[in-house]
Amino acid sequence: MVIESQPGQGTVVTLLMPRTHSAEPPEAVALMTERPAGGSEAVLVVDDEDQVRSYSVDALRELGYRVLHASDAGSALNALDANPDIRLLFTDIGLPGGVNGRQLAVEARRRRPDLKVLLTSGYAAEVLLGGGRLEPGMQLLPKPFSHGDLRAKIRGVLDAPHRPSRILVVEDDPMVRMTIVEALADAGCWIEEAATASEALIKFDADYAELDAAIVDIGLPDGRGDGLVDAFHAVRPDLAIVLATGYGDAPAKESFQHGAHVAILDKPFEGTALRAALLSLGVLLGS
């Protein structure tokens, strides 16, 4: 600051500011550089409200993403099947047509286990479906959200590494159990083991929210595996379960043949058949 004063002419105060070549104030420049980047991945946006869907689509396209969009679950699944390069599903939980966003996400992950999922909702009650938690591998962006919220969350979900699938193996035969564990370990899974129904229930109660799947032998020394499946699904209806059966288990096989989230595997089976059964239920395997 320079002050110049002359008698009879007054005083001139000159305030000198540091020069910058940027059109934005330094604070604004700093904020811009800290913003999360966009990307070029393909994203599927699903929302039945036209204005909300357009808001998300326009925001993501401005960030460089290739965006597809749909207004209901059926159209979304068609788009997913026709575009194998879609990396992320961004869907509202409240959708018309009898299939909500969570159900859409589960089916999408069954078809594409590597798919990243981001759910959105303006209603807390919808989020609390399923025992107050989200399925493994799914995240939530509450409504209403800003461009900045959407930008950061989308990038964060895309960049997040897939965690190993957590699988509970319930089998009383030590050799069979060891074979199953080795096959799952080779596929990059995190494994818990149980030899009896009672032991399985203890481990399930301690870790049910984090489990991705269970492999259950139907013949256990202290109970039947099909009863264990019912107990698991009473708490976790979405839990993927492979039920291992023998030749004398036709009634149990029939009862679960068309059940959701259950695959039937006849003994003896190889690791490739086990991995295929898990993949058919949407369980992500590392290799």
C-alpha atoms as a PDB file:
ATOM      1  CA  MET A   1       0.000   0.000   0.000  1.00  0.00           C
ATOM      2  CA  VAL A   2       1.335   3.445  -0.983  1.00  0.00           C
ATOM      3  CA  ILE A   3       0.018   6.731   0.487  1.00  0.00           C
ATOM      4  CA  GLU A   4       0.759  10.018  -1.298  1.00  0.00           C
ATOM      5  CA  SER A   5      -0.360  13.356   0.197  1.00  0.00           C
ATOM      6  CA  GLN A   6       0.120  16.907  -1.143  1.00  0.00           C
ATOM      7  CA  PRO A   7      -1.044  20.130   0.560  1.00  0.00           C
ATOM      8  CA  GLY A   8      -4.145  21.519  -1.095  1.00  0.00           C
ATOM      9  CA  GLN A   9      -4.569  18.479  -3.381  1.00  0.00           C
ATOM     10  CA  GLY A  10      -5.529  15.747  -0.969  1.00  0.00           C
ATOM     11  CA  THR A  11      -4.317  12.234  -0.364  1.00  0.00           C
ATOM     12  CA  VAL A  12      -4.054   9.277  -2.778  1.00  0.00           C
ATOM     13  CA  VAL A  13      -3.985   5.752  -1.393  1.00  0.00           C
ATOM     14  CA  THR A  14      -2.737   3.055  -3.798  1.00  0.00           C
ATOM     15  CA  LEU A  15      -3.395  -0.592  -2.872  1.00  0.00           C
ATOM     16  CA  LEU A  16      -1.086  -3.044  -4.704  1.00  0.00           C
ATOM     17  CA  MET A  17      -2.372  -6.609  -5.243  1.00  0.00           C
ATOM     18  CA  PRO A  18      -0.319  -9.641  -6.343  1.00  0.00           C
ATOM     19  CA  ARG A  19      -0.738 -10.355 -10.042  1.00  0.00           C
ATOM     20  CA  THR A  20      -2.110 -13.680 -11.316  1.00  0.00           C
ATOM     21  CA  HIS A  21      -2.562 -14.906 -14.881  1.00  0.00           C
ATOM     22  CA  SER A  22      -5.587 -16.980 -13.949  1.00  0.00           C
ATOM     23  CA  ALA A  23      -9.116 -15.762 -14.653  1.00  0.00           C
ATOM     24  CA  GLU A  24     -10.277 -17.353 -11.397  1.00  0.00           C
ATOM     25  CA  PRO A  25      -9.400 -16.216  -7.857  1.00  0.00           C
ATOM     26  CA  PRO A  26      -6.678 -18.381  -6.266  1.00  0.00           C
ATOM     27  CA  GLU A  27      -9.220 -19.948  -3.897  1.00  0.00           C
ATOM     28  CA  ALA A  28     -11.446 -20.956  -6.805  1.00  0.00           C
ATOM     29  CA  VAL A  29      -8.497 -22.425  -8.694  1.00  0.00           C
ATOM     30  CA  ALA A  30      -7.573 -24.513  -5.642  1.00  0.00           C
ATOM     31  CA  LEU A  31     -11.114 -25.798  -5.299  1.00  0.00           C
ATOM     32  CA  MET A  32     -11.228 -26.742  -8.986  1.00  0.00           C
ATOM     33  CA  THR A  33      -8.031 -28.762  -8.779  1.00  0.00           C
ATOM     34  CA  GLU A  34      -9.350 -30.672  -5.764  1.00  0.00           C
ATOM     35  CA  ARG A  35     -12.560 -31.774  -7.460  1.00  0.00           C
ATOM     36  CA  PRO A  36     -12.783 -35.487  -8.309  1.00  0.00           C
ATOM     37  CA  ALA A  37     -12.212 -36.193 -12.000  1.00  0.00           C
ATOM     38  CA  GLY A  38     -14.764 -37.593 -14.387  1.00  0.00           C
ATOM     39  CA  GLY A  39     -14.105 -40.567 -16.622  1.00  0.00           C
ATOM     40  CA  SER A  40     -14.886 -42.351 -19.858  1.00  0.00           C
ATOM     41  CA  GLU A  41     -16.583 -45.505 -18.494  1.00  0.00           C
ATOM     42  CA  ALA A  42     -20.076 -46.555 -19.553  1.00  0.00           C
ATOM     43  CA  VAL A  43     -22.746 -45.862 -16.900  1.00  0.00           C
ATOM     44  CA  LEU A  44     -26.394 -46.985 -16.943  1.00  0.00           C
ATOM     45  CA  VAL A  45     -28.752 -44.513 -15.221  1.00  0.00           C
ATOM     46  CA  VAL A  46     -32.201 -45.810 -14.205  1.00  0.00           C
ATOM     47  CA  ASP A  47     -34.903 -43.485 -12.856  1.00  0.00           C
ATOM     48  CA  ASP A  48     -38.594 -43.188 -13.695  1.00  0.00           C
ATOM     49  CA  GLU A  49     -38.679 -39.432 -13.001  1.00  0.00           C
ATOM     50  CA  ASP A  50     -37.757 -37.735 -16.289  1.00  0.00           C
ATOM     51  CA  GLN A  51     -36.270 -34.588 -14.758  1.00  0.00           C
ATOM     52  CA  VAL A  52     -34.140 -36.456 -12.228  1.00  0.00           C
ATOM     53  CA  ARG A  53     -32.940 -38.901 -14.880  1.00  0.00           C
ATOM     54  CA  SER A  54     -32.034 -36.057 -17.267  1.00  0.00           C
ATOM     55  CA  TYR A  55     -30.219 -34.236 -14.462  1.00  0.00           C
ATOM     56  CA  SER A  56     -28.016 -37.268 -13.779  1.00  0.00           C
ATOM     57  CA  VAL A  57     -27.467 -38.110 -17.445  1.00  0.00           C
ATOM     58  CA  ASP A  58     -26.449 -34.550 -18.360  1.00  0.00           C
ATOM     59  CA  ALA A  59     -24.132 -34.224 -15.358  1.00  0.00           C
ATOM     60  CA  LEU A  60     -22.327 -37.485 -16.131  1.00  0.00           C
ATOM     61  CA  ARG A  61     -22.013 -36.726 -19.847  1.00  0.00           C
ATOM     62  CA  GLU A  62     -20.446 -33.373 -19.018  1.00  0.00           C
ATOM     63  CA  LEU A  63     -17.818 -35.320 -17.063  1.00  0.00           C
ATOM     64  CA  GLY A  64     -16.985 -37.484 -20.072  1.00  0.00           C
ATOM     65  CA  TYR A  65     -18.857 -40.675 -19.192  1.00  0.00           C
ATOM     66  CA  ARG A  66     -20.718 -42.646 -21.843  1.00  0.00           C
ATOM     67  CA  VAL A  67     -24.232 -42.718 -20.426  1.00  0.00           C
ATOM     68  CA  LEU A  68     -27.168 -44.980 -21.215  1.00  0.00           C
ATOM     69  CA  HIS A  69     -30.494 -44.546 -19.459  1.00  0.00           C
ATOM     70  CA  ALA A  70     -33.763 -46.326 -18.747  1.00  0.00           C
ATOM     71  CA  SER A  71     -36.967 -45.629 -16.824  1.00  0.00           C
ATOM     72  CA  ASP A  72     -37.733 -49.133 -15.506  1.00  0.00           C
ATOM     73  CA  ALA A  73     -36.038 -52.403 -14.617  1.00  0.00           C
ATOM     74  CA  GLY A  74     -36.999 -54.270 -17.774  1.00  0.00           C
ATOM     75  CA  SER A  75     -35.520 -51.635 -20.068  1.00  0.00           C
ATOM     76  CA  ALA A  76     -32.441 -51.442 -17.855  1.00  0.00           C
ATOM     77  CA  LEU A  77     -31.769 -55.185 -18.084  1.00  0.00           C
ATOM     78  CA  ASN A  78     -32.189 -55.054 -21.878  1.00  0.00           C
ATOM     79  CA  ALA A  79     -29.647 -52.230 -22.030  1.00  0.00           C
ATOM     80  CA  LEU A  80     -27.285 -54.144 -19.767  1.00  0.00           C
ATOM     81  CA  ASP A  81     -27.468 -57.275 -21.932  1.00  0.00           C
ATOM     82  CA  ALA A  82     -26.931 -55.251 -25.121  1.00  0.00           C
ATOM     83  CA  ASN A  83     -23.976 -53.273 -23.756  1.00  0.00           C
ATOM     84  CA  PRO A  84     -21.411 -55.530 -22.055  1.00  0.00           C
ATOM     85  CA  ASP A  85     -19.079 -52.552 -21.534  1.00  0.00           C
ATOM     86  CA  ILE A  86     -21.380 -50.974 -18.901  1.00  0.00           C
ATOM     87  CA  ARG A  87     -19.261 -50.666 -15.764  1.00  0.00           C
ATOM     88  CA  LEU A  88     -21.733 -49.141 -13.308  1.00  0.00           C
ATOM     89  CA  LEU A  89     -25.472 -49.269 -12.646  1.00  0.00           C
ATOM     90  CA  PHE A  90     -26.853 -46.084 -11.049  1.00  0.00           C
ATOM     91  CA  THR A  91     -30.484 -46.720 -10.147  1.00  0.00           C
ATOM     92  CA  ASP A  92     -33.251 -45.237  -8.061  1.00  0.00           C
ATOM     93  CA  ILE A  93     -34.673 -47.723  -5.552  1.00  0.00           C
ATOM     94  CA  GLY A  94     -38.294 -46.748  -6.248  1.00  0.00           C
ATOM     95  CA  LEU A  95     -39.065 -47.998  -9.780  1.00  0.00           C
ATOM     96  CA  PRO A  96     -42.410 -48.844 -11.443  1.00  0.00           C
ATOM     97  CA  GLY A  97     -43.445 -52.195 -12.872  1.00  0.00           C
ATOM     98  CA  GLY A  98     -43.120 -54.429  -9.821  1.00  0.00           C
ATOM     99  CA  VAL A  99     -39.295 -54.612  -9.742  1.00  0.00           C
ATOM    100  CA  ASN A 100     -37.587 -52.033  -7.537  1.00  0.00           C
ATOM    101  CA  GLY A 101     -34.032 -50.769  -7.839  1.00  0.00           C
ATOM    102  CA  ARG A 102     -32.603 -53.173  -5.279  1.00  0.00           C
ATOM    103  CA  GLN A 103     -34.140 -56.148  -7.063  1.00  0.00           C
ATOM    104  CA  LEU A 104     -32.849 -54.784 -10.352  1.00  0.00           C
ATOM    105  CA  ALA A 105     -29.354 -54.483  -8.870  1.00  0.00           C
ATOM    106  CA  VAL A 106     -29.421 -58.075  -7.578  1.00  0.00           C
ATOM    107  CA  GLU A 107     -30.503 -59.421 -10.978  1.00  0.00           C
ATOM    108  CA  ALA A 108     -27.975 -57.223 -12.784  1.00  0.00           C
ATOM    109  CA  ARG A 109     -25.197 -58.521 -10.522  1.00  0.00           C
ATOM    110  CA  ARG A 110     -26.371 -62.090 -11.146  1.00  0.00           C
ATOM    111  CA  ARG A 111     -25.888 -61.523 -14.860  1.00  0.00           C
ATOM    112  CA  ARG A 112     -22.786 -59.399 -14.447  1.00  0.00           C
ATOM    113  CA  PRO A 113     -20.982 -60.182 -11.154  1.00  0.00           C
ATOM    114  CA  ASP A 114     -18.303 -57.563 -11.898  1.00  0.00           C
ATOM    115  CA  LEU A 115     -20.853 -54.739 -12.239  1.00  0.00           C
ATOM    116  CA  LYS A 116     -20.488 -51.812  -9.817  1.00  0.00           C
ATOM    117  CA  VAL A 117     -23.791 -50.609  -8.301  1.00  0.00           C
ATOM    118  CA  LEU A 118     -24.812 -47.235  -6.890  1.00  0.00           C
ATOM    119  CA  LEU A 119     -28.345 -46.910  -5.485  1.00  0.00           C
ATOM    120  CA  THR A 120     -30.198 -43.669  -4.838  1.00  0.00           C
ATOM    121  CA  SER A 121     -33.368 -42.886  -2.898  1.00  0.00           C
ATOM    122  CA  GLY A 122     -35.175 -40.017  -1.266  1.00  0.00           C
ATOM    123  CA  TYR A 123     -36.948 -42.297   1.214  1.00  0.00           C
ATOM    124  CA  ALA A 124     -35.154 -43.770   4.219  1.00  0.00           C
ATOM    125  CA  ALA A 125     -37.716 -46.581   4.484  1.00  0.00           C
ATOM    126  CA  GLU A 126     -36.641 -47.955   1.109  1.00  0.00           C
ATOM    127  CA  VAL A 127     -33.014 -47.970   2.166  1.00  0.00           C
ATOM    128  CA  LEU A 128     -33.889 -49.940   5.300  1.00  0.00           C
ATOM    129  CA  LEU A 129     -35.320 -52.830   3.278  1.00  0.00           C
ATOM    130  CA  GLY A 130     -33.377 -56.010   3.960  1.00  0.00           C
ATOM    131  CA  GLY A 131     -32.508 -55.464   7.596  1.00  0.00           C
ATOM    132  CA  GLY A 132     -31.043 -51.979   7.480  1.00  0.00           C
ATOM    133  CA  ARG A 133     -28.059 -52.737   5.250  1.00  0.00           C
ATOM    134  CA  LEU A 134     -27.048 -52.745   1.640  1.00  0.00           C
ATOM    135  CA  GLU A 135     -26.028 -55.888  -0.191  1.00  0.00           C
ATOM    136  CA  PRO A 136     -22.265 -56.388  -0.477  1.00  0.00           C
ATOM    137  CA  GLY A 137     -20.794 -54.376  -3.322  1.00  0.00           C
ATOM    138  CA  MET A 138     -23.578 -51.779  -3.379  1.00  0.00           C
ATOM    139  CA  GLN A 139     -23.415 -48.158  -2.237  1.00  0.00           C
ATOM    140  CA  LEU A 140     -26.030 -45.441  -1.676  1.00  0.00           C
ATOM    141  CA  LEU A 141     -26.328 -41.795  -2.738  1.00  0.00           C
ATOM    142  CA  PRO A 142     -29.282 -40.142  -0.910  1.00  0.00           C
ATOM    143  CA  LYS A 143     -31.610 -37.756  -2.771  1.00  0.00           C
ATOM    144  CA  PRO A 144     -31.494 -34.877  -3.370  1.00  0.00           C
ATOM    145  CA  PHE A 145     -27.879 -34.771  -4.543  1.00  0.00           C
ATOM    146  CA  SER A 146     -25.772 -32.090  -6.208  1.00  0.00           C
ATOM    147  CA  HIS A 147     -23.558 -32.380  -9.293  1.00  0.00           C
ATOM    148  CA  GLY A 148     -20.588 -32.495  -6.945  1.00  0.00           C
ATOM    149  CA  ASP A 149     -22.110 -35.286  -4.846  1.00  0.00           C
ATOM    150  CA  LEU A 150     -22.857 -37.327  -7.967  1.00  0.00           C
ATOM    151  CA  ARG A 151     -19.431 -36.701  -9.476  1.00  0.00           C
ATOM    152  CA  ALA A 152     -17.557 -37.768  -6.343  1.00  0.00           C
ATOM    153  CA  LYS A 153     -19.722 -40.825  -5.610  1.00  0.00           C
ATOM    154  CA  ILE A 154     -19.658 -42.201  -9.159  1.00  0.00           C
ATOM    155  CA  ARG A 155     -15.884 -41.872  -9.355  1.00  0.00           C
ATOM    156  CA  GLY A 156     -15.450 -43.379  -5.905  1.00  0.00           C
ATOM    157  CA  VAL A 157     -17.586 -46.434  -6.736  1.00  0.00           C
ATOM    158  CA  LEU A 158     -15.794 -47.009 -10.038  1.00  0.00           C
ATOM    159  CA  ASP A 159     -12.368 -46.749  -8.411  1.00  0.00           C
ATOM    160  CA  ALA A 160     -13.185 -48.896  -5.381  1.00  0.00           C
ATOM    161  CA  PRO A 161     -11.509 -52.322  -5.531  1.00  0.00           C
ATOM    162  CA  HIS A 162     -13.715 -55.385  -5.397  1.00  0.00           C
ATOM    163  CA  ARG A 163     -13.352 -57.020  -1.998  1.00  0.00           C
ATOM    164  CA  PRO A 164     -13.026 -60.818  -1.871  1.00  0.00           C
ATOM    165  CA  SER A 165     -16.352 -62.626  -1.722  1.00  0.00           C
ATOM    166  CA  ARG A 166     -17.064 -63.996   1.773  1.00  0.00           C
ATOM    167  CA  ILE A 167     -18.425 -67.539   1.713  1.00  0.00           C
ATOM    168  CA  LEU A 168     -19.547 -69.869   4.503  1.00  0.00           C
ATOM    169  CA  VAL A 169     -18.812 -73.545   3.741  1.00  0.00           C
ATOM    170  CA  VAL A 170     -20.980 -76.015   5.701  1.00  0.00           C
ATOM    171  CA  GLU A 171     -19.772 -79.582   5.162  1.00  0.00           C
ATOM    172  CA  ASP A 172     -19.127 -82.358   7.722  1.00  0.00           C
ATOM    173  CA  ASP A 173     -16.766 -84.457   5.567  1.00  0.00           C
ATOM    174  CA  PRO A 174     -13.249 -83.030   6.156  1.00  0.00           C
ATOM    175  CA  MET A 175     -11.908 -84.125   2.755  1.00  0.00           C
ATOM    176  CA  VAL A 176     -14.869 -82.730   0.829  1.00  0.00           C
ATOM    177  CA  ARG A 177     -14.727 -79.506   2.839  1.00  0.00           C
ATOM    178  CA  MET A 178     -10.998 -79.148   2.139  1.00  0.00           C
ATOM    179  CA  THR A 179     -11.607 -79.615  -1.604  1.00  0.00           C
ATOM    180  CA  ILE A 180     -14.307 -76.916  -1.578  1.00  0.00           C
ATOM    181  CA  VAL A 181     -12.142 -74.521   0.428  1.00  0.00           C
ATOM    182  CA  GLU A 182      -9.192 -74.985  -1.928  1.00  0.00           C
ATOM    183  CA  ALA A 183     -11.371 -74.294  -4.981  1.00  0.00           C
ATOM    184  CA  LEU A 184     -12.751 -71.124  -3.392  1.00  0.00           C
ATOM    185  CA  ALA A 185      -9.326 -69.951  -2.216  1.00  0.00           C
ATOM    186  CA  ASP A 186      -8.035 -70.347  -5.775  1.00  0.00           C
ATOM    187  CA  ALA A 187     -10.918 -68.073  -6.858  1.00  0.00           C
ATOM    188  CA  GLY A 188      -9.830 -65.373  -4.402  1.00  0.00           C
ATOM    189  CA  CYS A 189     -12.600 -65.877  -1.831  1.00  0.00           C
ATOM    190  CA  TRP A 190     -12.550 -65.328   1.933  1.00  0.00           C
ATOM    191  CA  ILE A 191     -13.856 -68.483   3.600  1.00  0.00           C
ATOM    192  CA  GLU A 192     -15.478 -69.507   6.890  1.00  0.00           C
ATOM    193  CA  GLU A 193     -15.911 -73.222   7.650  1.00  0.00           C
ATOM    194  CA  ALA A 194     -18.451 -75.180   9.675  1.00  0.00           C
ATOM    195  CA  ALA A 195     -18.853 -78.941  10.112  1.00  0.00           C
ATOM    196  CA  THR A 196     -22.313 -78.947  11.721  1.00  0.00           C
ATOM    197  CA  ALA A 197     -25.588 -77.044  11.463  1.00  0.00           C
ATOM    198  CA  SER A 198     -25.186 -75.584  14.959  1.00  0.00           C
ATOM    199  CA  GLU A 199     -21.675 -74.357  14.208  1.00  0.00           C
ATOM    200  CA  ALA A 200     -22.900 -72.875  10.929  1.00  0.00           C
ATOM    201  CA  LEU A 201     -25.663 -70.934  12.698  1.00  0.00           C
ATOM    202  CA  ILE A 202     -23.159 -69.472  15.186  1.00  0.00           C
ATOM    203  CA  LYS A 203     -20.867 -68.302  12.394  1.00  0.00           C
ATOM    204  CA  PHE A 204     -23.791 -67.042  10.330  1.00  0.00           C
ATOM    205  CA  ASP A 205     -25.161 -64.997  13.248  1.00  0.00           C
ATOM    206  CA  ALA A 206     -21.747 -63.405  13.761  1.00  0.00           C
ATOM    207  CA  ASP A 207     -21.164 -62.487  10.111  1.00  0.00           C
ATOM    208  CA  TYR A 208     -24.464 -62.628   8.199  1.00  0.00           C
ATOM    209  CA  ALA A 209     -24.365 -58.997   7.038  1.00  0.00           C
ATOM    210  CA  GLU A 210     -21.006 -59.482   5.305  1.00  0.00           C
ATOM    211  CA  LEU A 211     -21.568 -62.887   3.720  1.00  0.00           C
ATOM    212  CA  ASP A 212     -21.952 -63.116  -0.052  1.00  0.00           C
ATOM    213  CA  ALA A 213     -22.816 -66.820  -0.221  1.00  0.00           C
ATOM    214  CA  ALA A 214     -23.021 -70.142   1.611  1.00  0.00           C
ATOM    215  CA  ILE A 215     -22.318 -73.648   0.396  1.00  0.00           C
ATOM    216  CA  VAL A 216     -24.425 -76.117   2.386  1.00  0.00           C
ATOM    217  CA  ASP A 217     -24.321 -79.895   2.405  1.00  0.00           C
ATOM    218  CA  ILE A 218     -27.815 -81.298   2.775  1.00  0.00           C
ATOM    219  CA  GLY A 219     -26.748 -84.147   5.075  1.00  0.00           C
ATOM    220  CA  LEU A 220     -25.299 -82.799   8.341  1.00  0.00           C
ATOM    221  CA  PRO A 221     -24.794 -84.746  11.607  1.00  0.00           C
ATOM    222  CA  ASP A 222     -27.103 -82.525  13.677  1.00  0.00           C
ATOM    223  CA  GLY A 223     -29.674 -81.418  11.130  1.00  0.00           C
ATOM    224  CA  ARG A 224     -30.563 -81.117   7.471  1.00  0.00           C
ATOM    225  CA  GLY A 225     -29.037 -78.595   5.163  1.00  0.00           C
ATOM    226  CA  ASP A 226     -32.358 -77.601   3.624  1.00  0.00           C
ATOM    227  CA  GLY A 227     -33.528 -76.471   7.071  1.00  0.00           C
ATOM    228  CA  LEU A 228     -30.336 -74.454   7.392  1.00  0.00           C
ATOM    229  CA  VAL A 229     -31.083 -72.770   4.063  1.00  0.00           C
ATOM    230  CA  ASP A 230     -34.495 -71.725   5.387  1.00  0.00           C
ATOM    231  CA  ALA A 231     -32.890 -70.351   8.563  1.00  0.00           C
ATOM    232  CA  PHE A 232     -30.336 -68.361   6.576  1.00  0.00           C
ATOM    233  CA  HIS A 233     -32.953 -66.925   4.221  1.00  0.00           C
ATOM    234  CA  ALA A 234     -35.205 -65.932   7.116  1.00  0.00           C
ATOM    235  CA  VAL A 235     -32.492 -63.411   8.042  1.00  0.00           C
ATOM    236  CA  ARG A 236     -30.842 -62.820   4.654  1.00  0.00           C
ATOM    237  CA  PRO A 237     -33.408 -63.474   1.887  1.00  0.00           C
ATOM    238  CA  ASP A 238     -30.891 -62.338  -0.731  1.00  0.00           C
ATOM    239  CA  LEU A 239     -28.057 -64.653   0.342  1.00  0.00           C
ATOM    240  CA  ALA A 240     -26.741 -66.821  -2.498  1.00  0.00           C
ATOM    241  CA  ILE A 241     -26.723 -70.487  -1.451  1.00  0.00           C
ATOM    242  CA  VAL A 242     -25.349 -73.552  -3.214  1.00  0.00           C
ATOM    243  CA  LEU A 243     -27.082 -76.634  -1.821  1.00  0.00           C
ATOM    244  CA  ALA A 244     -24.954 -79.763  -2.258  1.00  0.00           C
ATOM    245  CA  THR A 245     -27.122 -82.873  -2.589  1.00  0.00           C
ATOM    246  CA  GLY A 246     -26.713 -86.621  -3.083  1.00  0.00           C
ATOM    247  CA  TYR A 247     -28.732 -89.198  -4.961  1.00  0.00           C
ATOM    248  CA  GLY A 248     -31.279 -89.705  -2.188  1.00  0.00           C
ATOM    249  CA  ASP A 249     -32.250 -86.063  -1.805  1.00  0.00           C
ATOM    250  CA  ALA A 250     -34.857 -85.743  -4.583  1.00  0.00           C
ATOM    251  CA  PRO A 251     -37.604 -84.140  -2.399  1.00  0.00           C
ATOM    252  CA  ALA A 252     -35.266 -81.455  -1.114  1.00  0.00           C
ATOM    253  CA  LYS A 253     -33.938 -80.803  -4.624  1.00  0.00           C
ATOM    254  CA  GLU A 254     -37.465 -80.422  -5.926  1.00  0.00           C
ATOM    255  CA  SER A 255     -38.438 -77.925  -3.193  1.00  0.00           C
ATOM    256  CA  PHE A 256     -35.486 -75.657  -3.993  1.00  0.00           C
ATOM    257  CA  GLN A 257     -35.341 -76.228  -7.751  1.00  0.00           C
ATOM    258  CA  HIS A 258     -37.009 -72.952  -8.651  1.00  0.00           C
ATOM    259  CA  GLY A 259     -36.161 -70.978  -5.541  1.00  0.00           C
ATOM    260  CA  ALA A 260     -34.542 -67.567  -5.776  1.00  0.00           C
ATOM    261  CA  HIS A 261     -30.893 -67.309  -4.741  1.00  0.00           C
ATOM    262  CA  VAL A 262     -30.441 -71.098  -4.525  1.00  0.00           C
ATOM    263  CA  ALA A 263     -28.444 -73.336  -6.881  1.00  0.00           C
ATOM    264  CA  ILE A 264     -28.503 -77.146  -6.650  1.00  0.00           C
ATOM    265  CA  LEU A 265     -25.214 -78.999  -7.087  1.00  0.00           C
ATOM    266  CA  ASP A 266     -25.122 -82.805  -7.228  1.00  0.00           C
ATOM    267  CA  LYS A 267     -22.325 -84.636  -5.466  1.00  0.00           C
ATOM    268  CA  PRO A 268     -19.621 -85.362  -6.372  1.00  0.00           C
ATOM    269  CA  PHE A 269     -18.724 -82.097  -8.115  1.00  0.00           C
ATOM    270  CA  GLU A 270     -15.550 -80.384  -9.278  1.00  0.00           C
ATOM    271  CA  GLY A 271     -14.303 -76.886  -8.540  1.00  0.00           C
ATOM    272  CA  THR A 272     -15.327 -75.651 -11.989  1.00  0.00           C
ATOM    273  CA  ALA A 273     -18.945 -76.706 -11.365  1.00  0.00           C
ATOM    274  CA  LEU A 274     -18.924 -75.015  -7.962  1.00  0.00           C
ATOM    275  CA  ARG A 275     -17.578 -71.763  -9.383  1.00  0.00           C
ATOM    276  CA  ALA A 276     -20.155 -71.877 -12.189  1.00  0.00           C
ATOM    277  CA  ALA A 277     -22.962 -72.312  -9.642  1.00  0.00           C
ATOM    278  CA  LEU A 278     -21.735 -69.322  -7.626  1.00  0.00           C
ATOM    279  CA  LEU A 279     -21.393 -67.159 -10.732  1.00  0.00           C
ATOM    280  CA  SER A 280     -24.959 -68.074 -11.766  1.00  0.00           C
ATOM    281  CA  LEU A 281     -26.103 -66.575  -8.433  1.00  0.00           C
ATOM    282  CA  GLY A 282     -24.158 -63.340  -9.009  1.00  0.00           C
ATOM    283  CA  VAL A 283     -21.269 -64.080  -6.641  1.00  0.00           C
ATOM    284  CA  LEU A 284     -18.091 -62.335  -7.785  1.00  0.00           C
ATOM    285  CA  LEU A 285     -15.032 -64.571  -8.042  1.00  0.00           C
ATOM    286  CA  GLY A 286     -11.497 -63.374  -8.512  1.00  0.00           C
ATOM    287  CA  SER A 287     -10.334 -65.998 -10.983  1.00  0.00           C
END
